[in-house]
C-alpha atoms as a PDB file:
ATOM      1  CA  VAL A   1     -39.215  82.069 106.863  1.00  0.00           C
ATOM      2  CA  GLU A   2     -42.208  80.467 105.189  1.00  0.00           C
ATOM      3  CA  THR A   3     -43.290  83.879 103.867  1.00  0.00           C
ATOM      4  CA  ALA A   4     -39.759  84.688 102.736  1.00  0.00           C
ATOM      5  CA  LEU A   5     -39.536  81.439 100.796  1.00  0.00           C
ATOM      6  CA  GLY A   6     -42.948  81.823  99.185  1.00  0.00           C
ATOM      7  CA  SER A   7     -43.441  79.320  96.381  1.00  0.00           C
ATOM      8  CA  SER A   8     -39.718  78.521  96.512  1.00  0.00           C
ATOM      9  CA  GLY A   9     -40.466  76.455  99.603  1.00  0.00           C
ATOM     10  CA  GLN A  10     -41.822  73.775  97.249  1.00  0.00           C
ATOM     11  CA  ASN A  11     -38.747  73.677  95.011  1.00  0.00           C
ATOM     12  CA  ILE A  12     -37.024  70.304  94.761  1.00  0.00           C
ATOM     13  CA  VAL A  13     -33.332  69.932  95.617  1.00  0.00           C
ATOM     14  CA  VAL A  14     -31.383  67.447  93.471  1.00  0.00           C
ATOM     15  CA  ASP A  15     -27.715  66.529  93.348  1.00  0.00           C
ATOM     16  CA  THR A  16     -26.881  67.519  89.767  1.00  0.00           C
ATOM     17  CA  GLN A  17     -28.271  69.244  86.691  1.00  0.00           C
ATOM     18  CA  GLN A  18     -28.426  65.821  85.063  1.00  0.00           C
ATOM     19  CA  ASP A  19     -30.812  64.673  87.792  1.00  0.00           C
ATOM     20  CA  ALA A  20     -32.948  67.754  87.211  1.00  0.00           C
ATOM     21  CA  ARG A  21     -33.041  67.075  83.462  1.00  0.00           C
ATOM     22  CA  LEU A  22     -34.143  63.465  83.969  1.00  0.00           C
ATOM     23  CA  ALA A  23     -36.851  64.540  86.415  1.00  0.00           C
ATOM     24  CA  ILE A  24     -38.196  67.179  84.008  1.00  0.00           C
ATOM     25  CA  GLU A  25     -38.254  64.665  81.141  1.00  0.00           C
ATOM     26  CA  MET A  26     -40.191  62.228  83.330  1.00  0.00           C
ATOM     27  CA  LEU A  27     -42.760  64.932  84.136  1.00  0.00           C
ATOM     28  CA  GLN A  28     -43.115  65.612  80.416  1.00  0.00           C
ATOM     29  CA  ARG A  29     -43.624  61.945  79.525  1.00  0.00           C
ATOM     30  CA  ARG A  30     -46.239  61.449  82.236  1.00  0.00           C
ATOM     31  CA  ASP A  31     -47.905  64.818  81.709  1.00  0.00           C
ATOM     32  CA  ALA A  32     -47.498  65.272  85.500  1.00  0.00           C
ATOM     33  CA  GLY A  33     -47.179  69.034  85.711  1.00  0.00           C
ATOM     34  CA  ARG A  34     -44.206  71.284  86.356  1.00  0.00           C
ATOM     35  CA  ALA A  35     -41.656  71.706  89.138  1.00  0.00           C
ATOM     36  CA  THR A  36     -38.594  73.801  89.899  1.00  0.00           C
ATOM     37  CA  PHE A  37     -35.372  71.946  90.695  1.00  0.00           C
ATOM     38  CA  LEU A  38     -32.318  73.245  92.561  1.00  0.00           C
ATOM     39  CA  PRO A  39     -29.167  71.296  91.554  1.00  0.00           C
ATOM     40  CA  LEU A  40     -26.545  71.316  94.298  1.00  0.00           C
ATOM     41  CA  ASP A  41     -23.717  71.377  91.764  1.00  0.00           C
ATOM     42  CA  THR A  42     -24.798  74.658  90.161  1.00  0.00           C
ATOM     43  CA  ILE A  43     -26.838  76.754  92.623  1.00  0.00           C
ATOM     44  CA  ARG A  44     -24.846  79.539  94.242  1.00  0.00           C
ATOM     45  CA  GLY A  45     -26.012  82.195  96.691  1.00  0.00           C
ATOM     46  CA  SER A  46     -24.665  85.168  98.575  1.00  0.00           C
ATOM     47  CA  ARG A  47     -25.294  86.931 101.866  1.00  0.00           C
ATOM     48  CA  MET A  48     -26.146  90.621 101.722  1.00  0.00           C
ATOM     49  CA  HIS A  49     -23.576  93.003 103.248  1.00  0.00           C
ATOM     50  CA  ASP A  50     -25.669  96.175 103.455  1.00  0.00           C
ATOM     51  CA  ALA A  51     -28.298  94.963 105.952  1.00  0.00           C
ATOM     52  CA  PRO A  52     -29.634  97.726 108.281  1.00  0.00           C
ATOM     53  CA  GLU A  53     -28.242  96.041 111.369  1.00  0.00           C
ATOM     54  CA  ASP A  54     -28.284  99.301 113.370  1.00  0.00           C
ATOM     55  CA  ASP A  55     -32.076  99.651 113.034  1.00  0.00           C
ATOM     56  CA  LEU A  56     -33.966  98.845 116.243  1.00  0.00           C
ATOM     57  CA  GLY A  57     -36.494  96.699 114.344  1.00  0.00           C
ATOM     58  CA  PHE A  58     -33.807  94.583 112.631  1.00  0.00           C
ATOM     59  CA  VAL A  59     -34.005  90.892 113.593  1.00  0.00           C
ATOM     60  CA  GLY A  60     -31.503  89.385 111.201  1.00  0.00           C
ATOM     61  CA  ILE A  61     -30.877  88.093 107.714  1.00  0.00           C
ATOM     62  CA  ALA A  62     -33.171  85.174 106.936  1.00  0.00           C
ATOM     63  CA  SER A  63     -30.334  82.824 105.944  1.00  0.00           C
ATOM     64  CA  ASP A  64     -28.735  83.336 109.376  1.00  0.00           C
ATOM     65  CA  LEU A  65     -31.946  82.392 111.197  1.00  0.00           C
ATOM     66  CA  VAL A  66     -32.356  78.873 109.800  1.00  0.00           C
ATOM     67  CA  GLN A  67     -30.401  75.676 110.310  1.00  0.00           C
ATOM     68  CA  ALA A  68     -29.531  73.228 107.546  1.00  0.00           C
ATOM     69  CA  ASP A  69     -26.876  70.672 106.681  1.00  0.00           C
ATOM     70  CA  ALA A  70     -23.685  72.253 105.356  1.00  0.00           C
ATOM     71  CA  LYS A  71     -24.208  70.659 101.930  1.00  0.00           C
ATOM     72  CA  TYR A  72     -27.279  72.870 101.463  1.00  0.00           C
ATOM     73  CA  SER A  73     -25.570  76.128 102.455  1.00  0.00           C
ATOM     74  CA  GLN A  74     -25.596  77.551  98.924  1.00  0.00           C
ATOM     75  CA  ILE A  75     -29.287  76.697  98.550  1.00  0.00           C
ATOM     76  CA  VAL A  76     -30.069  78.553 101.783  1.00  0.00           C
ATOM     77  CA  LEU A  77     -28.033  81.588 100.707  1.00  0.00           C
ATOM     78  CA  ASN A  78     -29.664  81.583  97.283  1.00  0.00           C
ATOM     79  CA  LEU A  79     -33.188  81.585  98.717  1.00  0.00           C
ATOM     80  CA  LEU A  80     -32.750  83.620 101.907  1.00  0.00           C
ATOM     81  CA  GLY A  81     -29.378  85.344 101.824  1.00  0.00           C
ATOM     82  CA  ARG A  82     -30.778  88.665 100.607  1.00  0.00           C
ATOM     83  CA  THR A  83     -33.929  88.839 102.733  1.00  0.00           C
ATOM     84  CA  VAL A  84     -34.088  90.974 105.887  1.00  0.00           C
ATOM     85  CA  VAL A  85     -36.301  89.931 108.804  1.00  0.00           C
ATOM     86  CA  ALA A  86     -37.918  92.836 110.684  1.00  0.00           C
ATOM     87  CA  GLU A  87     -39.863  92.773 113.921  1.00  0.00           C
ATOM     88  CA  ARG A  88     -42.957  94.720 112.779  1.00  0.00           C
ATOM     89  CA  LEU A  89     -44.386  96.133 109.567  1.00  0.00           C
ATOM     90  CA  THR A  90     -43.657  99.708 110.681  1.00  0.00           C
ATOM     91  CA  ASP A  91     -40.006  98.704 111.136  1.00  0.00           C
ATOM     92  CA  ALA A  92     -39.964  97.112 107.689  1.00  0.00           C
ATOM     93  CA  ILE A  93     -41.393 100.248 106.059  1.00  0.00           C
ATOM     94  CA  ARG A  94     -38.829 102.434 107.778  1.00  0.00           C
ATOM     95  CA  MET A  95     -35.935 100.209 106.682  1.00  0.00           C
ATOM     96  CA  SER A  96     -37.262  99.994 103.134  1.00  0.00           C
ATOM     97  CA  LYS A  97     -37.451 103.794 102.814  1.00  0.00           C
ATOM     98  CA  LYS A  98     -33.921 104.236 104.190  1.00  0.00           C
ATOM     99  CA  SER A  99     -32.570 101.795 101.601  1.00  0.00           C
ATOM    100  CA  GLY A 100     -34.380 103.473  98.706  1.00  0.00           C
ATOM    101  CA  ASN A 101     -36.762 100.509  98.435  1.00  0.00           C
ATOM    102  CA  ARG A 102     -33.917  98.190  97.519  1.00  0.00           C
ATOM    103  CA  LEU A 103     -34.433  95.660 100.283  1.00  0.00           C
ATOM    104  CA  ARG A 104     -36.627  92.582 100.435  1.00  0.00           C
ATOM    105  CA  ILE A 105     -38.016  92.534 103.968  1.00  0.00           C
ATOM    106  CA  VAL A 106     -40.297  90.093 105.794  1.00  0.00           C
ATOM    107  CA  THR A 107     -41.776  90.633 109.258  1.00  0.00           C
ATOM    108  CA  LEU A 108     -42.140  88.146 112.090  1.00  0.00           C
ATOM    109  CA  ASP A 109     -45.908  87.962 111.511  1.00  0.00           C
ATOM    110  CA  GLY A 110     -45.521  87.216 107.797  1.00  0.00           C
ATOM    111  CA  GLN A 111     -45.939  90.613 106.064  1.00  0.00           C
ATOM    112  CA  MET A 112     -43.527  91.405 103.234  1.00  0.00           C
ATOM    113  CA  ILE A 113     -42.047  94.410 101.437  1.00  0.00           C
ATOM    114  CA  HIS A 114     -40.504  93.487  98.107  1.00  0.00           C
ATOM    115  CA  ALA A 115     -37.508  95.154  96.513  1.00  0.00           C
ATOM    116  CA  GLY A 116     -39.002  98.049  94.556  1.00  0.00           C
ATOM    117  CA  GLY A 117     -41.544  98.919  97.245  1.00  0.00           C
ATOM    118  CA  SER A 118     -44.514  96.600  96.605  1.00  0.00           C
ATOM    119  CA  MET A 119     -46.057  95.053  99.687  1.00  0.00           C
ATOM    120  CA  THR A 120     -47.762  91.725 100.428  1.00  0.00           C
ATOM    121  CA  GLY A 121     -49.657  91.044 103.627  1.00  0.00           C
ATOM    122  CA  GLY A 122     -52.866  90.415 105.480  1.00  0.00           C
ATOM    123  CA  SER A 123     -54.126  87.342 107.291  1.00  0.00           C
ATOM    124  CA  SER A 124     -53.606  83.733 106.320  1.00  0.00           C
ATOM    125  CA  VAL A 125     -54.890  80.402 107.555  1.00  0.00           C
ATOM    126  CA  GLN A 126     -52.696  79.340 110.441  1.00  0.00           C
ATOM    127  CA  GLY A 127     -50.725  76.211 109.683  1.00  0.00           C
ATOM    128  CA  SER A 128     -51.482  76.327 105.935  1.00  0.00           C
ATOM    129  CA  GLY A 129     -47.832  76.536 104.885  1.00  0.00           C
ATOM    130  CA  ILE A 130     -45.790  73.518 103.928  1.00  0.00           C
ATOM    131  CA  LEU A 131     -43.377  73.923 106.856  1.00  0.00           C
ATOM    132  CA  SER A 132     -46.243  74.278 109.333  1.00  0.00           C
ATOM    133  CA  ARG A 133     -47.931  71.188 107.938  1.00  0.00           C
ATOM    134  CA  ALA A 134     -44.701  69.217 108.259  1.00  0.00           C
ATOM    135  CA  SER A 135     -44.415  70.249 111.893  1.00  0.00           C
ATOM    136  CA  GLU A 136     -48.067  69.342 112.483  1.00  0.00           C
ATOM    137  CA  LEU A 137     -47.501  65.933 110.884  1.00  0.00           C
ATOM    138  CA  ASP A 138     -44.584  65.244 113.239  1.00  0.00           C
ATOM    139  CA  GLU A 139     -46.764  66.203 116.210  1.00  0.00           C
ATOM    140  CA  LEU A 140     -49.603  63.928 115.065  1.00  0.00           C
ATOM    141  CA  CYS A 141     -47.190  61.018 114.612  1.00  0.00           C
ATOM    142  CA  GLN A 142     -45.941  61.554 118.154  1.00  0.00           C
ATOM    143  CA  LYS A 143     -49.501  61.576 119.507  1.00  0.00           C
ATOM    144  CA  ALA A 144     -50.331  58.409 117.573  1.00  0.00           C
ATOM    145  CA  GLY A 145     -47.299  56.672 119.070  1.00  0.00           C
ATOM    146  CA  ASP A 146     -48.308  57.718 122.581  1.00  0.00           C
ATOM    147  CA  ALA A 147     -51.854  56.446 121.972  1.00  0.00           C
ATOM    148  CA  ARG A 148     -50.532  53.060 120.818  1.00  0.00           C
ATOM    149  CA  LYS A 149     -48.391  52.737 123.939  1.00  0.00           C
ATOM    150  CA  LYS A 150     -51.377  53.596 126.136  1.00  0.00           C
ATOM    151  CA  GLN A 151     -53.548  51.035 124.351  1.00  0.00           C
ATOM    152  CA  GLU A 152     -50.895  48.342 124.775  1.00  0.00           C
ATOM    153  CA  ALA A 153     -50.665  49.105 128.503  1.00  0.00           C
ATOM    154  CA  GLN A 154     -54.449  48.864 128.848  1.00  0.00           C
ATOM    155  CA  GLN A 155     -54.506  45.565 126.974  1.00  0.00           C
ATOM    156  CA  GLN A 156     -51.886  44.192 129.370  1.00  0.00           C
ATOM    157  CA  GLN A 157     -54.022  45.267 132.321  1.00  0.00           C
ATOM    158  CA  VAL A 158     -57.070  43.560 130.819  1.00  0.00           C
ATOM    159  CA  ALA A 159     -55.075  40.355 130.279  1.00  0.00           C
ATOM    160  CA  ALA A 160     -53.906  40.472 133.910  1.00  0.00           C
ATOM    161  CA  LEU A 161     -57.497  40.893 135.135  1.00  0.00           C
ATOM    162  CA  GLN A 162     -58.625  37.999 132.940  1.00  0.00           C
ATOM    163  CA  ARG A 163     -55.969  35.768 134.480  1.00  0.00           C
ATOM    164  CA  THR A 164     -57.054  36.851 137.968  1.00  0.00           C
ATOM    165  CA  VAL A 165     -60.718  36.084 137.253  1.00  0.00           C
ATOM    166  CA  GLU A 166     -59.852  32.671 135.804  1.00  0.00           C
ATOM    167  CA  THR A 167     -57.722  31.866 138.842  1.00  0.00           C
ATOM    168  CA  LEU A 168     -60.623  32.751 141.145  1.00  0.00           C
ATOM    169  CA  ARG A 169     -62.998  30.555 139.159  1.00  0.00           C
ATOM    170  CA  LEU A 170     -60.658  27.579 139.305  1.00  0.00           C
ATOM    171  CA  TRP A 171     -60.106  28.112 143.018  1.00  0.00           C
ATOM    172  CA  ARG A 172     -63.865  28.249 143.683  1.00  0.00           C
ATOM    173  CA  ARG A 173     -64.561  25.147 141.593  1.00  0.00           C
ATOM    174  CA  LYS A 174     -61.779  23.170 143.294  1.00  0.00           C
ATOM    175  CA  ASN A 175     -62.849  24.069 146.814  1.00  0.00           C
ATOM    176  CA  THR A 176     -66.531  23.404 146.093  1.00  0.00           C
ATOM    177  CA  ARG A 177     -65.729  19.909 144.853  1.00  0.00           C
ATOM    178  CA  SER A 178     -63.372  19.098 147.715  1.00  0.00           C
ATOM    179  CA  SER A 179     -66.031  20.022 150.297  1.00  0.00           C
ATOM    180  CA  LEU A 180     -68.439  17.271 149.170  1.00  0.00           C
ATOM    181  CA  PRO A 181     -68.513  14.077 151.386  1.00  0.00           C
ATOM    182  CA  PRO A 182     -67.677  10.690 149.807  1.00  0.00           C
ATOM    183  CA  ALA A 183     -70.583   8.805 148.233  1.00  0.00           C
ATOM    184  CA  SER A 184     -72.257   6.031 150.332  1.00  0.00           C
ATOM    185  CA  SER A 185     -74.521   3.115 149.442  1.00  0.00           C
ATOM    186  CA  GLY A 186     -77.044   3.461 152.280  1.00  0.00           C
ATOM    187  CA  PRO A 187     -80.728   4.187 151.793  1.00  0.00           C
ATOM    188  CA  PHE A 188     -80.150   7.815 152.647  1.00  0.00           C
ATOM    189  CA  SER A 189     -77.134   8.244 150.445  1.00  0.00           C
ATOM    190  CA  THR A 190     -78.891  10.374 147.777  1.00  0.00           C
ATOM    191  CA  GLN A 191     -80.460  12.641 150.356  1.00  0.00           C
ATOM    192  CA  SER A 192     -77.183  12.910 152.282  1.00  0.00           C
ATOM    193  CA  ALA A 193     -75.269  13.830 149.124  1.00  0.00           C
ATOM    194  CA  ALA A 194     -77.863  16.406 148.166  1.00  0.00           C
ATOM    195  CA  THR A 195     -77.765  17.852 151.680  1.00  0.00           C
ATOM    196  CA  ALA A 196     -73.975  17.897 151.555  1.00  0.00           C
ATOM    197  CA  ARG A 197     -74.014  19.715 148.230  1.00  0.00           C
ATOM    198  CA  THR A 198     -76.465  22.262 149.570  1.00  0.00           C
ATOM    199  CA  ASP A 199     -74.437  22.863 152.688  1.00  0.00           C
ATOM    200  CA  ALA A 200     -71.058  22.624 150.973  1.00  0.00           C
ATOM    201  CA  LYS A 201     -68.602  25.291 152.035  1.00  0.00           C
ATOM    202  CA  PRO A 202     -64.935  25.848 151.203  1.00  0.00           C
ATOM    203  CA  LEU A 203     -62.498  24.092 153.526  1.00  0.00           C
ATOM    204  CA  LEU A 204     -60.628  27.299 154.207  1.00  0.00           C
ATOM    205  CA  PRO A 205     -60.704  29.151 157.502  1.00  0.00           C
ATOM    206  CA  PRO A 206     -62.844  32.306 157.507  1.00  0.00           C
ATOM    207  CA  SER A 207     -59.840  34.594 157.384  1.00  0.00           C
ATOM    208  CA  SER A 208     -58.557  33.056 154.108  1.00  0.00           C
ATOM    209  CA  ARG A 209     -61.848  32.789 152.219  1.00  0.00           C
ATOM    210  CA  PRO A 210     -62.358  35.169 149.229  1.00  0.00           C
ATOM    211  CA  ASN A 211     -64.059  38.405 150.098  1.00  0.00           C
ATOM    212  CA  PRO A 212     -67.178  38.928 147.921  1.00  0.00           C
ATOM    213  CA  SER A 213     -66.432  42.624 147.676  1.00  0.00           C
ATOM    214  CA  VAL A 214     -62.942  41.832 146.267  1.00  0.00           C
ATOM    215  CA  SER A 215     -64.426  39.545 143.625  1.00  0.00           C
ATOM    216  CA  ALA A 216     -66.953  42.241 142.693  1.00  0.00           C
ATOM    217  CA  PHE A 217     -64.163  44.815 142.489  1.00  0.00           C
ATOM    218  CA  VAL A 218     -62.121  42.577 140.159  1.00  0.00           C
ATOM    219  CA  LYS A 219     -65.130  41.958 137.904  1.00  0.00           C
ATOM    220  CA  ASN A 220     -66.020  45.680 137.788  1.00  0.00           C
ATOM    221  CA  SER A 221     -62.402  46.624 137.036  1.00  0.00           C
ATOM    222  CA  PHE A 222     -62.290  44.037 134.243  1.00  0.00           C
ATOM    223  CA  SER A 223     -65.490  45.400 132.702  1.00  0.00           C
ATOM    224  CA  ALA A 224     -64.227  48.998 132.911  1.00  0.00           C
ATOM    225  CA  MET A 225     -60.873  48.153 131.300  1.00  0.00           C
ATOM    226  CA  ARG A 226     -62.567  46.182 128.502  1.00  0.00           C
ATOM    227  CA  SER A 227     -64.860  49.162 127.748  1.00  0.00           C
ATOM    228  CA  SER A 228     -61.872  51.555 127.738  1.00  0.00           C
ATOM    229  CA  VAL A 229     -59.961  49.422 125.222  1.00  0.00           C
ATOM    230  CA  ARG A 230     -62.993  49.272 122.941  1.00  0.00           C
END
């Protein structure tokens, strides 16, 4: 379809001839180049009735192979209603000869035979057409949205790990303080307090104390998630 449209794929559709006139005048005032406009109130098209539908290489008429809003039906017929789509170039050549070189034929891989017999073809940069670029843009937007969602999920995981680490720190600080004995005024009070601080242990039973390997795992997970987000 992109080959069949050619440069017409960059034409601009407007509602009326008045809109087209105003747009052209604006281009003139701004020295902004030229453009072709297709007013919906004047453009009319037709569908060919002598297509070689019985040929084995016949795929269809180009206007029948695209989808568009009903309001643009005349635009589609005007641009594609008289273009035959063939499967291969050999099929296109055969159909062109049978019609006396009257048909405009485009193949599925983008080769073209013009009415009158001239031919256009070869290789082209994949994705260089305006329709291909539009499709690529939609795909990139989708990927960008998925990446944002993934980043948000990772940020939530990092925040959860930060809360877990802070909770562990508060728990450790609280239990370390609560394990110290009350201060005394005896001659050995300083030494006793120092000894108590050295020997201080959490007041939890062994089964409920934090496992060092768990704390290390949380810290390592936090570091890994922070690096991933960066």
